[in-house]
Protein backbone atom coordinates (compact mmCIF):
# COMPACT_ATOMS: atom_id res chain seq x y z
CA MET A 1 -3.01 58.48 -7.65
CA SER A 2 -2.60 61.26 -5.08
CA LEU A 3 -4.07 61.99 -1.67
CA LYS A 4 -5.50 65.39 -0.84
CA ILE A 5 -5.40 65.21 2.94
CA ARG A 6 -8.38 66.46 4.88
CA PRO A 7 -8.99 66.32 8.61
CA PRO A 8 -11.53 63.85 10.09
CA TRP A 9 -14.97 64.96 8.97
CA SER A 10 -18.06 65.16 11.11
CA MET A 11 -21.16 63.08 10.51
CA PRO A 12 -23.82 64.64 8.23
CA GLU A 13 -26.86 65.72 10.22
CA GLU A 14 -29.32 63.61 8.22
CA THR A 15 -27.18 60.47 8.64
CA LYS A 16 -26.83 61.19 12.35
CA ARG A 17 -30.55 61.80 12.88
CA ILE A 18 -31.77 58.70 11.07
CA GLY A 19 -28.92 56.51 12.30
CA GLN A 20 -29.50 57.30 15.96
CA LYS A 21 -33.21 56.66 15.45
CA LEU A 22 -32.85 53.27 13.71
CA LEU A 23 -29.56 51.86 14.99
CA LYS A 24 -29.43 50.42 18.47
CA GLU A 25 -26.88 51.92 20.83
CA LYS A 26 -25.25 48.50 21.13
CA ASP A 27 -24.81 48.15 17.35
CA VAL A 28 -21.15 47.63 16.38
CA TYR A 29 -21.33 50.17 13.53
CA ARG A 30 -22.79 52.77 15.83
CA LEU A 31 -19.84 52.26 18.17
CA ILE A 32 -17.48 52.92 15.25
CA GLY A 33 -19.35 56.03 14.15
CA ASP A 34 -19.71 57.46 17.67
CA GLN A 35 -16.36 56.58 19.27
CA LEU A 36 -13.76 55.38 16.77
CA PHE A 37 -14.09 57.09 13.39
CA GLU A 38 -12.94 60.59 14.34
CA GLY A 39 -9.66 59.16 15.61
CA TRP A 40 -8.68 58.03 12.10
CA ASN A 41 -6.61 60.47 10.06
CA GLU A 42 -5.81 60.39 6.36
CA GLU A 43 -2.38 61.86 7.05
CA GLU A 44 -1.29 58.52 8.51
CA TYR A 45 -1.48 57.03 4.98
CA ALA A 46 0.06 59.93 3.05
CA ASP A 47 3.35 58.09 2.45
CA LEU A 48 1.49 55.45 0.41
CA TYR A 49 0.32 57.95 -2.21
CA SER A 50 1.95 60.17 -4.82
CA ALA A 51 2.11 63.94 -4.33
CA GLU A 52 0.61 64.46 -7.78
CA GLY A 53 -2.15 62.93 -9.83
CA LYS A 54 -5.86 62.33 -9.65
CA PRO A 55 -7.19 62.43 -6.05
CA GLY A 56 -7.95 58.97 -4.69
CA ILE A 57 -10.62 57.61 -2.38
CA SER A 58 -9.98 58.37 1.29
CA PRO A 59 -7.69 55.66 2.76
CA VAL A 60 -9.66 55.91 6.02
CA ILE A 61 -12.81 54.79 4.20
CA LEU A 62 -10.89 52.06 2.35
CA ALA A 63 -9.25 50.78 5.54
CA LEU A 64 -12.49 50.57 7.50
CA VAL A 65 -14.47 49.08 4.62
CA SER A 66 -11.77 46.40 4.35
CA VAL A 67 -12.29 45.63 8.05
CA PHE A 68 -16.06 45.54 7.58
CA GLN A 69 -15.55 42.94 4.84
CA PHE A 70 -13.97 40.55 7.29
CA MET A 71 -16.54 41.28 9.96
CA GLU A 72 -19.20 39.94 7.62
CA LYS A 73 -17.15 37.69 5.26
CA LEU A 74 -17.98 39.75 2.16
CA ALA A 75 -16.26 39.81 -1.23
CA ASP A 76 -15.19 43.14 -2.76
CA ARG A 77 -18.34 43.48 -4.87
CA GLN A 78 -20.57 42.63 -1.92
CA ALA A 79 -18.75 45.17 0.24
CA MET A 80 -19.37 47.89 -2.33
CA ASN A 81 -23.06 47.04 -2.48
CA ALA A 82 -23.22 47.24 1.31
CA LEU A 83 -21.47 50.62 1.33
CA ARG A 84 -23.90 51.98 -1.25
CA MET A 85 -27.08 50.60 0.33
CA ARG A 86 -26.63 50.24 4.09
CA LEU A 87 -27.31 52.93 6.66
CA ASP A 88 -25.11 51.38 9.37
CA TRP A 89 -21.99 51.45 7.16
CA LYS A 90 -22.60 55.08 6.21
CA TYR A 91 -23.18 55.98 9.85
CA ALA A 92 -19.90 54.34 10.84
CA LEU A 93 -17.98 56.20 8.11
CA HIS A 94 -19.74 59.57 8.54
CA LEU A 95 -21.02 59.51 4.95
CA PRO A 96 -24.13 61.17 3.52
CA LEU A 97 -27.13 58.94 2.88
CA ASP A 98 -26.86 59.42 -0.89
CA TYR A 99 -23.20 58.35 -1.05
CA GLU A 100 -22.86 56.09 -4.11
CA GLY A 101 -19.57 54.42 -3.25
CA PHE A 102 -16.86 53.58 -5.79
CA ASP A 103 -15.70 50.73 -8.02
CA PHE A 104 -14.96 47.54 -6.10
CA SER A 105 -11.51 47.21 -7.73
CA VAL A 106 -10.29 50.13 -5.59
CA LEU A 107 -10.26 47.80 -2.56
CA SER A 108 -7.79 45.48 -4.30
CA GLU A 109 -5.64 48.47 -5.25
CA PHE A 110 -5.65 49.63 -1.63
CA ARG A 111 -4.46 46.20 -0.44
CA ASP A 112 -1.65 46.30 -3.00
CA ARG A 113 -0.77 49.81 -1.84
CA LEU A 114 -0.49 48.63 1.79
CA ILE A 115 1.74 45.72 0.78
CA LYS A 116 3.97 47.85 -1.44
CA GLY A 117 4.39 50.38 1.35
CA GLN A 118 5.03 47.62 3.94
CA ALA A 119 2.08 48.98 5.90
CA GLU A 120 0.09 45.76 6.37
CA GLY A 121 -0.15 46.23 10.13
CA ARG A 122 -1.01 49.93 10.13
CA VAL A 123 -4.79 49.48 10.36
CA PHE A 124 -4.48 46.89 13.13
CA GLU A 125 -2.07 49.01 15.18
CA LYS A 126 -4.35 52.02 14.97
CA LEU A 127 -7.32 50.02 16.19
CA VAL A 128 -5.38 48.45 19.08
CA GLU A 129 -4.22 51.93 20.09
CA GLN A 130 -7.82 53.16 20.18
CA ILE A 131 -9.06 50.15 22.16
CA ARG A 132 -6.20 50.56 24.62
CA GLY A 133 -7.13 54.25 24.97
CA MET A 134 -10.68 53.18 25.85
CA GLY A 135 -9.30 51.27 28.83
CA LEU A 136 -10.13 47.81 27.44
CA ILE A 137 -6.57 46.47 27.59
CA LYS A 138 -5.01 46.05 31.01
CA GLU A 139 -1.48 47.38 31.33
CA HIS A 140 1.05 44.60 32.02
CA GLY A 141 -1.68 42.01 32.31
CA LYS A 142 -2.05 38.43 31.12
CA GLN A 143 -1.89 37.37 27.48
CA ARG A 144 -1.90 34.06 25.64
CA THR A 145 -0.51 33.05 22.25
CA ASP A 146 -1.18 30.20 19.85
CA SER A 147 -1.05 29.51 16.12
CA ILE A 148 -3.48 28.22 13.53
CA ALA A 149 -3.00 26.85 10.01
CA MET A 150 -4.15 28.97 7.08
CA LEU A 151 -4.52 26.89 3.92
CA THR A 152 -3.61 28.23 0.50
CA LYS A 153 -6.48 28.86 -1.89
CA VAL A 154 -4.99 26.59 -4.57
CA ARG A 155 -5.33 22.82 -4.84
CA ARG A 156 -2.59 20.56 -3.52
CA LEU A 157 -0.59 18.96 -6.33
CA CYS A 158 1.38 15.75 -6.58
CA ARG A 159 4.95 15.87 -7.86
CA VAL A 160 4.23 15.38 -11.57
CA GLU A 161 1.29 17.80 -11.45
CA THR A 162 3.60 20.40 -9.91
CA VAL A 163 6.23 20.23 -12.65
CA VAL A 164 3.71 19.98 -15.52
CA GLU A 165 1.69 22.93 -14.24
CA THR A 166 4.90 24.93 -13.76
CA LEU A 167 5.88 24.41 -17.38
CA ARG A 168 2.33 25.04 -18.63
CA LEU A 169 2.06 28.39 -16.83
CA VAL A 170 5.40 29.51 -18.29
CA ILE A 171 4.28 28.63 -21.81
CA VAL A 172 1.01 30.51 -21.36
CA VAL A 173 2.67 33.68 -20.07
CA ILE A 174 5.38 33.56 -22.78
CA VAL A 175 2.75 33.34 -25.52
CA ASP A 176 0.82 36.25 -24.00
CA THR A 177 3.97 38.37 -23.56
CA ASP A 178 5.77 37.77 -26.86
CA ARG A 179 3.76 35.82 -29.39
CA GLU A 180 6.31 36.28 -32.18
CA TRP A 181 9.15 34.71 -30.19
CA SER A 182 6.93 31.91 -28.87
CA GLU A 183 5.72 30.95 -32.38
CA GLU A 184 9.32 30.76 -33.52
CA ILE A 185 10.66 28.70 -30.60
CA ILE A 186 7.89 26.69 -28.91
CA PRO A 187 6.87 23.50 -30.77
CA PRO A 188 3.30 23.61 -32.14
CA SER A 189 2.52 20.24 -30.48
CA TRP A 190 2.89 21.87 -27.06
CA GLU A 191 -0.29 23.86 -27.60
CA ALA A 192 -2.36 20.67 -27.34
CA LYS A 193 -0.14 19.08 -24.71
CA TYR A 194 0.06 22.05 -22.33
CA GLY A 195 -3.00 24.02 -23.37
CA GLU A 196 -5.20 22.96 -20.45
CA ARG A 197 -4.72 22.58 -16.71
CA PHE A 198 -3.07 19.26 -15.88
CA VAL A 199 -5.10 17.08 -13.48
CA ARG A 200 -3.93 13.54 -12.74
CA GLN A 201 -7.42 12.01 -12.84
CA SER A 202 -8.06 13.32 -16.37
CA TYR A 203 -5.31 11.21 -17.96
CA SER A 204 -4.84 7.50 -18.57
CA GLU A 205 -1.91 5.61 -17.07
CA LYS A 206 -0.11 5.67 -20.43
CA GLU A 207 -0.54 9.45 -20.83
CA TRP A 208 0.53 9.99 -17.22
CA LYS A 209 3.76 8.02 -17.77
CA GLU A 210 4.49 9.98 -20.94
CA TYR A 211 4.27 13.27 -19.08
CA GLU A 212 6.35 11.88 -16.23
CA GLU A 213 9.16 10.69 -18.52
CA LYS A 214 9.38 13.68 -20.87
CA ILE A 215 8.54 16.70 -18.72
CA GLY A 216 12.03 17.08 -17.24
CA GLU A 217 13.80 17.28 -20.59
CA GLU A 218 11.16 19.52 -22.18
CA GLY A 219 11.35 22.00 -19.33
CA GLN A 220 15.15 22.01 -19.47
CA TRP A 221 15.01 22.52 -23.24
CA LEU A 222 12.82 25.61 -22.80
CA LEU A 223 15.07 27.00 -20.05
CA LYS A 224 18.11 26.75 -22.32
CA ARG A 225 16.24 28.62 -25.07
CA LEU A 226 15.29 31.34 -22.61
CA GLU A 227 18.83 31.66 -21.26
CA LYS A 228 20.35 32.15 -24.69
CA GLY A 229 21.14 35.70 -25.78
CA GLY A 230 18.39 35.65 -28.39
CA ALA A 231 15.57 35.47 -25.87
CA PRO A 232 14.11 38.89 -24.98
CA ALA A 233 15.09 40.15 -21.55
CA GLU A 234 11.42 40.73 -20.79
CA LEU A 235 10.80 36.98 -21.00
CA GLN A 236 13.84 36.02 -18.95
CA ASN A 237 12.69 38.25 -16.10
CA LEU A 238 9.13 36.94 -15.91
CA PRO A 239 8.24 35.68 -12.39
CA GLU A 240 6.90 32.45 -13.91
CA VAL A 241 10.27 31.80 -15.56
CA GLN A 242 12.05 32.28 -12.23
CA VAL A 243 9.65 29.77 -10.66
CA LEU A 244 10.40 27.33 -13.48
CA LYS A 245 14.13 27.61 -12.78
CA THR A 246 13.59 27.01 -9.07
CA VAL A 247 11.22 24.05 -9.53
CA TRP A 248 13.53 22.34 -12.02
CA ALA A 249 16.52 22.84 -9.70
CA GLN A 250 14.51 21.27 -6.85
CA GLN A 251 12.86 18.42 -8.77
CA PHE A 252 15.46 17.31 -11.33
CA ARG A 253 19.16 16.55 -11.73
CA GLU A 254 21.11 15.99 -14.92
CA GLU A 255 22.32 12.41 -15.22
CA GLY A 256 23.97 10.99 -18.33
CA GLY A 257 22.70 13.82 -20.48
CA LYS A 258 19.11 13.31 -19.33
CA MET A 259 16.96 14.81 -16.59
CA ALA A 260 16.20 12.49 -13.68
CA TYR A 261 14.04 13.15 -10.63
CA THR A 262 15.95 14.12 -7.50
CA ASP A 263 15.77 12.15 -4.28
CA LEU A 264 13.43 14.03 -1.95
CA LYS A 265 15.14 12.67 1.16
CA LYS A 266 17.00 16.00 1.21
CA TYR A 267 13.69 17.86 1.10
CA ASP A 268 13.97 21.51 2.23
CA GLY A 269 10.57 22.60 3.48
CA HIS A 270 11.60 26.26 3.73
CA ALA A 271 12.46 26.48 0.01
CA GLN A 272 10.43 23.75 -1.71
CA ILE A 273 7.73 25.14 -4.02
CA GLN A 274 4.51 23.15 -3.64
CA SER A 275 2.50 24.76 -6.44
CA PRO A 276 3.39 27.22 -9.23
CA HIS A 277 -0.03 28.82 -8.69
CA ASP A 278 1.11 29.98 -5.23
CA PRO A 279 4.93 29.75 -5.12
CA GLN A 280 5.19 31.19 -1.59
CA ALA A 281 2.95 28.57 0.06
CA ARG A 282 4.86 25.91 1.98
CA TYR A 283 4.05 22.42 3.18
CA SER A 284 3.86 21.72 6.89
CA ARG A 285 2.67 19.00 9.23
CA LYS A 286 1.49 19.06 12.83
CA ARG A 287 0.88 15.61 14.20
CA HIS A 288 -1.71 14.09 11.81
CA PHE A 289 -2.68 17.36 10.12
CA GLU A 290 -0.94 18.31 6.86
CA TRP A 291 -1.44 21.51 4.90
CA VAL A 292 0.08 23.88 2.33
CA GLY A 293 -0.11 27.57 3.15
CA ASP A 294 0.85 29.67 6.15
CA LYS A 295 0.59 29.71 9.92
CA VAL A 296 -1.15 32.57 11.73
CA GLN A 297 0.21 33.61 15.14
CA VAL A 298 -2.48 35.07 17.42
CA SER A 299 -1.98 36.76 20.80
CA GLU A 300 -4.86 38.02 22.94
CA THR A 301 -5.44 39.48 26.40
CA GLU A 302 -6.82 37.29 29.18
CA ASP A 303 -7.57 39.45 32.23
CA GLU A 304 -10.55 39.27 34.53
CA GLY A 305 -12.78 42.30 34.08
CA TYR A 306 -11.51 42.99 30.54
CA PRO A 307 -12.52 41.74 27.05
CA HIS A 308 -10.31 39.34 25.10
CA ILE A 309 -8.59 41.73 22.68
CA ILE A 310 -6.19 40.48 20.00
CA THR A 311 -2.95 42.39 20.54
CA ASP A 312 -0.88 40.75 17.80
CA ILE A 313 -1.73 38.75 14.70
CA VAL A 314 0.58 37.88 11.82
CA ALA A 315 0.83 35.24 9.10
CA THR A 316 4.19 33.45 8.86
CA SER A 317 5.47 30.63 6.69
CA SER A 318 3.88 27.35 7.72
CA ASN A 319 7.24 25.74 8.49
CA HIS A 320 8.43 28.50 10.84
CA THR A 321 8.41 27.05 14.34
CA ASP A 322 6.46 28.69 17.14
CA TYR A 323 9.51 29.18 19.35
CA GLU A 324 11.28 31.04 16.51
CA GLU A 325 8.36 33.48 16.25
CA LEU A 326 7.94 34.24 19.96
CA PRO A 327 10.72 36.90 20.22
CA TYR A 328 9.19 38.80 17.28
CA ILE A 329 5.73 38.57 18.85
CA GLN A 330 6.95 40.01 22.15
CA ALA A 331 8.89 42.74 20.35
CA ARG A 332 5.75 43.86 18.51
CA LEU A 333 3.75 43.82 21.75
CA GLN A 334 6.33 46.11 23.33
CA GLU A 335 6.17 48.51 20.37
CA ARG A 336 2.37 48.73 20.78
CA GLU A 337 2.72 49.26 24.53
CA CYS A 338 0.83 46.01 25.10
CA LYS A 339 3.63 44.06 26.77
CA PRO A 340 2.18 41.44 29.15
CA ALA A 341 3.49 40.67 32.61
CA GLU A 342 2.45 37.02 32.19
CA HIS A 343 2.53 35.32 28.80
CA TYR A 344 0.81 31.92 28.48
CA VAL A 345 1.96 29.64 25.63
CA ASP A 346 2.04 25.95 24.79
CA ALA A 347 5.11 23.71 24.62
CA GLY A 348 5.87 24.74 21.02
CA TYR A 349 6.90 28.24 22.17
CA MET A 350 8.92 27.17 25.18
CA SER A 351 12.70 27.05 24.96
CA GLY A 352 15.72 28.13 26.98
CA PRO A 353 16.47 31.16 24.78
CA ASN A 354 12.83 32.29 24.95
CA LEU A 355 12.74 31.94 28.73
CA SER A 356 15.92 34.00 28.94
CA SER A 357 14.77 36.76 26.54
CA SER A 358 11.35 36.95 28.22
CA ARG A 359 13.02 37.41 31.60
CA LYS A 360 15.12 40.27 30.19
CA ASN A 361 11.93 41.91 28.90
CA GLU A 362 10.28 41.47 32.32
CA ILE A 363 7.79 38.94 30.94
CA ASP A 364 6.95 35.77 32.83
CA LEU A 365 6.74 33.12 30.10
CA ILE A 366 4.37 30.43 31.33
CA GLY A 367 4.05 27.07 29.61
CA PRO A 368 5.16 23.42 29.77
CA LEU A 369 8.62 22.54 28.54
CA ALA A 370 8.73 19.41 26.40
CA ASN A 371 10.14 16.33 28.09
CA PHE A 372 12.96 14.54 26.27
CA VAL A 373 13.09 10.84 27.09
CA THR A 374 16.64 9.55 27.66
CA PRO A 375 17.69 5.89 27.50
CA GLN A 376 18.11 5.88 31.30
CA GLU A 377 14.47 6.88 31.78
CA MET A 378 13.42 3.75 29.90
CA LEU A 379 15.37 1.47 32.25
CA PRO A 380 13.87 -0.01 35.46
CA ASN A 381 15.17 2.25 38.25
CA GLY A 382 17.28 4.15 35.73
CA ILE A 383 19.63 6.89 36.95
CA THR A 384 18.38 9.98 35.14
CA GLN A 385 19.88 13.45 34.94
CA SER A 386 17.69 14.56 37.85
CA HIS A 387 19.72 12.27 40.15
CA PHE A 388 22.90 14.28 39.48
CA GLN A 389 23.88 17.44 41.36
CA ILE A 390 24.50 20.08 38.71
CA ASP A 391 26.31 23.29 39.61
CA ALA A 392 26.01 25.44 36.50
CA ILE A 393 27.86 28.35 38.14
CA ASN A 394 31.01 26.41 39.07
CA ASN A 395 30.73 24.01 36.10
CA THR A 396 30.70 20.78 38.11
CA VAL A 397 28.45 17.72 38.10
CA ILE A 398 28.30 15.18 40.95
CA CYS A 399 26.88 11.71 40.33
CA PRO A 400 24.79 9.75 42.90
CA LYS A 401 27.95 7.96 44.10
CA GLY A 402 29.77 11.23 44.75
CA HIS A 403 32.09 11.25 41.74
CA ILE A 404 32.75 14.68 40.22
CA ALA A 405 32.98 15.69 36.54
CA LYS A 406 34.72 18.97 35.72
CA ASN A 407 36.16 20.76 32.69
CA PRO A 408 33.15 20.48 30.38
CA VAL A 409 33.51 20.42 26.60
CA PRO A 410 31.50 23.09 24.69
CA VAL A 411 29.11 21.50 22.20
CA ASN A 412 27.07 23.99 20.15
CA ASN A 413 25.17 25.99 22.80
CA SER A 414 25.68 23.41 25.57
CA LEU A 415 28.33 22.04 27.92
CA SER A 416 29.12 18.32 27.97
CA PHE A 417 30.39 16.77 31.24
CA ARG A 418 31.97 13.32 30.81
CA PHE A 419 32.76 10.95 33.69
CA PRO A 420 35.91 8.81 33.16
CA LEU A 421 35.29 5.28 31.87
CA LYS A 422 37.50 3.88 34.61
CA THR A 423 35.29 5.45 37.27
CA CYS A 424 32.00 4.33 35.69
CA ALA A 425 33.25 0.79 34.88
CA ALA A 426 33.85 0.07 38.54
CA CYS A 427 30.61 1.64 39.75
CA GLU A 428 27.86 -0.65 41.07
CA LEU A 429 25.20 1.60 39.50
CA ARG A 430 26.61 1.30 35.99
CA SER A 431 23.84 -0.99 34.69
CA ARG A 432 21.26 1.61 35.72
CA CYS A 433 23.30 4.65 34.68
CA CYS A 434 25.33 3.95 31.51
CA THR A 435 23.74 2.59 28.35
CA GLY A 436 26.87 2.84 26.17
CA LYS A 437 30.39 1.44 26.34
CA GLY A 438 31.94 4.65 27.72
CA GLY A 439 31.43 6.68 30.86
CA ARG A 440 28.28 8.64 31.62
CA THR A 441 27.88 12.01 29.86
CA ILE A 442 25.72 14.84 31.17
CA GLY A 443 24.87 17.75 28.93
CA ILE A 444 23.47 21.08 30.10
CA SER A 445 22.50 24.03 27.95
CA ALA A 446 23.52 27.63 28.42
CA TYR A 447 19.94 28.22 29.61
CA TYR A 448 19.93 25.38 32.14
CA GLU A 449 19.08 27.71 35.03
CA PHE A 450 15.93 28.96 33.27
CA THR A 451 14.74 25.56 32.05
CA GLU A 452 15.20 23.87 35.42
CA VAL A 453 13.16 26.52 37.21
CA ALA A 454 10.44 26.12 34.58
CA ARG A 455 10.45 22.32 34.85
CA VAL A 456 10.15 22.42 38.62
CA ARG A 457 7.30 24.93 38.43
CA GLN A 458 5.30 23.04 35.82
CA LYS A 459 5.05 20.01 38.11
CA THR A 460 3.22 21.93 40.82
CA GLU A 461 -0.55 21.86 41.23
CA ALA A 462 -0.65 25.66 41.38
CA PHE A 463 0.93 25.85 37.92
CA LYS A 464 -1.45 23.28 36.43
CA LYS A 465 -4.51 25.08 37.78
CA ASP A 466 -3.33 28.54 36.73
CA TYR A 467 -2.18 27.37 33.28
CA HIS A 468 -5.45 25.61 32.51
CA GLN A 469 -7.48 28.60 33.68
CA HIS A 470 -5.69 31.18 31.54
CA ARG A 471 -4.42 29.18 28.55
CA SER A 472 -7.32 26.95 27.53
CA GLY A 473 -9.53 29.72 26.09
CA ILE A 474 -7.20 30.48 23.19
CA GLU A 475 -8.54 27.45 21.30
CA GLY A 476 -12.02 28.97 21.39
CA SER A 477 -10.63 32.26 20.12
CA LEU A 478 -8.94 30.56 17.16
CA SER A 479 -12.12 28.64 16.43
CA ALA A 480 -14.08 31.91 16.39
CA LEU A 481 -11.65 33.38 13.84
CA VAL A 482 -12.20 30.35 11.62
CA ARG A 483 -15.98 30.05 11.98
CA GLY A 484 -16.83 33.72 12.27
CA HIS A 485 -14.32 35.23 9.85
CA GLY A 486 -13.26 32.42 7.49
CA MET A 487 -9.56 32.45 8.36
CA ARG A 488 -8.91 28.74 7.75
CA VAL A 489 -8.65 29.15 3.95
CA SER A 490 -6.90 32.13 2.43
CA ARG A 491 -8.83 34.47 0.14
CA TYR A 492 -5.71 35.50 -1.74
CA ILE A 493 -2.60 34.18 -3.46
CA GLY A 494 0.78 35.11 -1.98
CA HIS A 495 2.17 35.31 1.53
CA MET A 496 1.90 39.10 1.94
CA LYS A 497 -1.77 39.09 0.98
CA ARG A 498 -2.43 36.23 3.40
CA ASN A 499 -0.79 38.30 6.11
CA LEU A 500 -3.06 41.21 5.19
CA GLN A 501 -6.06 38.90 5.50
CA ALA A 502 -4.91 37.85 8.97
CA VAL A 503 -4.48 41.48 10.03
CA PHE A 504 -7.92 42.56 8.80
CA THR A 505 -9.44 39.50 10.46
CA GLY A 506 -7.83 40.52 13.76
CA CYS A 507 -9.26 44.04 13.34
CA ALA A 508 -12.74 42.66 12.65
CA ALA A 509 -12.62 40.40 15.71
CA ASN A 510 -11.41 43.24 17.94
CA ILE A 511 -14.17 45.62 16.88
CA LYS A 512 -16.80 42.97 17.56
CA ARG A 513 -15.32 42.09 20.94
CA ALA A 514 -14.95 45.69 22.05
CA SER A 515 -18.50 46.47 20.94
CA SER A 516 -19.94 43.46 22.76
CA TRP A 517 -18.07 44.35 25.93
CA LEU A 518 -19.23 47.96 25.90
CA ALA A 519 -22.77 46.71 25.32
CA GLY A 520 -22.55 44.75 28.57
CA GLN A 521 -22.00 41.28 27.10
CA ARG A 522 -19.33 39.11 28.72
CA PRO A 523 -17.40 36.10 27.36
CA GLN A 524 -18.88 32.76 28.32
CA ILE A 525 -16.95 30.69 30.86
CA ARG A 526 -16.66 27.20 29.44
CA HIS A 527 -15.31 23.94 30.86
CA LYS A 528 -16.30 25.05 34.34
CA LYS A 529 -16.34 22.06 36.68
CA SER A 530 -19.79 21.91 38.25
CA TRP A 531 -19.66 18.51 39.93
CA SER A 532 -17.21 16.18 41.61
CA LEU A 533 -16.86 12.42 41.86
CA ASN A 534 -16.76 12.89 45.63
CA SER A 535 -19.92 14.97 45.77
CA SER A 536 -22.77 13.40 47.69
């Protein structure tokens, strides 16, 4: 498929005449047709297409139709019907009224083309650039970031369901790929045993136990047949076979010539496959909420006199921590020229390294640092670390009785100051200060200066008022993405496609927000205190 590049085309006169007569000026699609469409250029997608071959559908049309899908929560077929029948879509895309559209499968091909070309964020970046050019994003303003769980489309499986389904899918794909080899190697009885999807509730306790006891050895038997030289290379390289190898390595160990289940105490959430139907989905837990899928990081502007525009949105693995993702978020914001002066986050993003890197990037990272409870804080009148005088520059620590600890010992990314046992043993404050048999130890991180400033600030009333005012609205924004655009459950299988869904959802939300703002609508102010206990 090739791309014959053409410059942005003007709107047909008939479409313009009827559209301006029937569409309200505040209509979101009219905004796109009047102010946004001509800024999109096919040349920006030329690297995703071949230089030769049959000319393809304009990537500008495909990109915007994909965004329209998520504005209205439409499937591919529904989107094609809308493109063929609706005046507002044709007005937005500068198409003639008799435009018949194209086959709905082209949308799926376009998504695959974006993923293959590592261009998932290209549509979002273009839209943010246009909105920023319209003056709707304040330069070096306030922004806030939070994350939301995106569940995989597939059903959660228990352990035995996972391994049985893994083996079943491999058998199915082997039979489809090389029937001759499969008829020669795979036992005929497996057709009945693994012919249908395995669901725990569909089997008796006896049948369940039979699967549980034999599945490990049967899967290992098939792997050995595949690894032998006689198996076609095409079969050995199948993605389903690679998943089988990984699942068996994670779930079983060889013991006395038999396959036994591994102890999941050494569970690795970053690598553990939860379902062969979506091998990239990972398990995660946040307080009482458990899910399998991804986590979507969302950043949006929060400035008075400006709309709330999403400046960064990306799907990450569900077990990637928020503080690990923050440096990447801020780097992308800088690349888009949307770097905030003040960045509001919750405790999950706060850390010494992030405070330090934000300072270097001239970003004020605002959020509460988590409090770690020490044994001394649980004692009546305990002597906590705050009672010590810490001089991080000269590497000295002075205890409440005036004793000094020097020459710290490096421990990972921290310094450990230990007071001599002889000094602490004779101290009258020992019962309140030392909980062990040795002397008191004080540890400070390499980012102690940044964390202490943040801890002092977060205790002030000014911080609490400012943080609540600018941070609380992000929950409503995430809720709107779920309720208005269906982002809680993924449409697609695979991490890259889930990321593409997140990006298109961010585009859809931004177009709606920009349109509403230009139409004179303003975000509602919620949780506004309108009464007081002291009011008369």
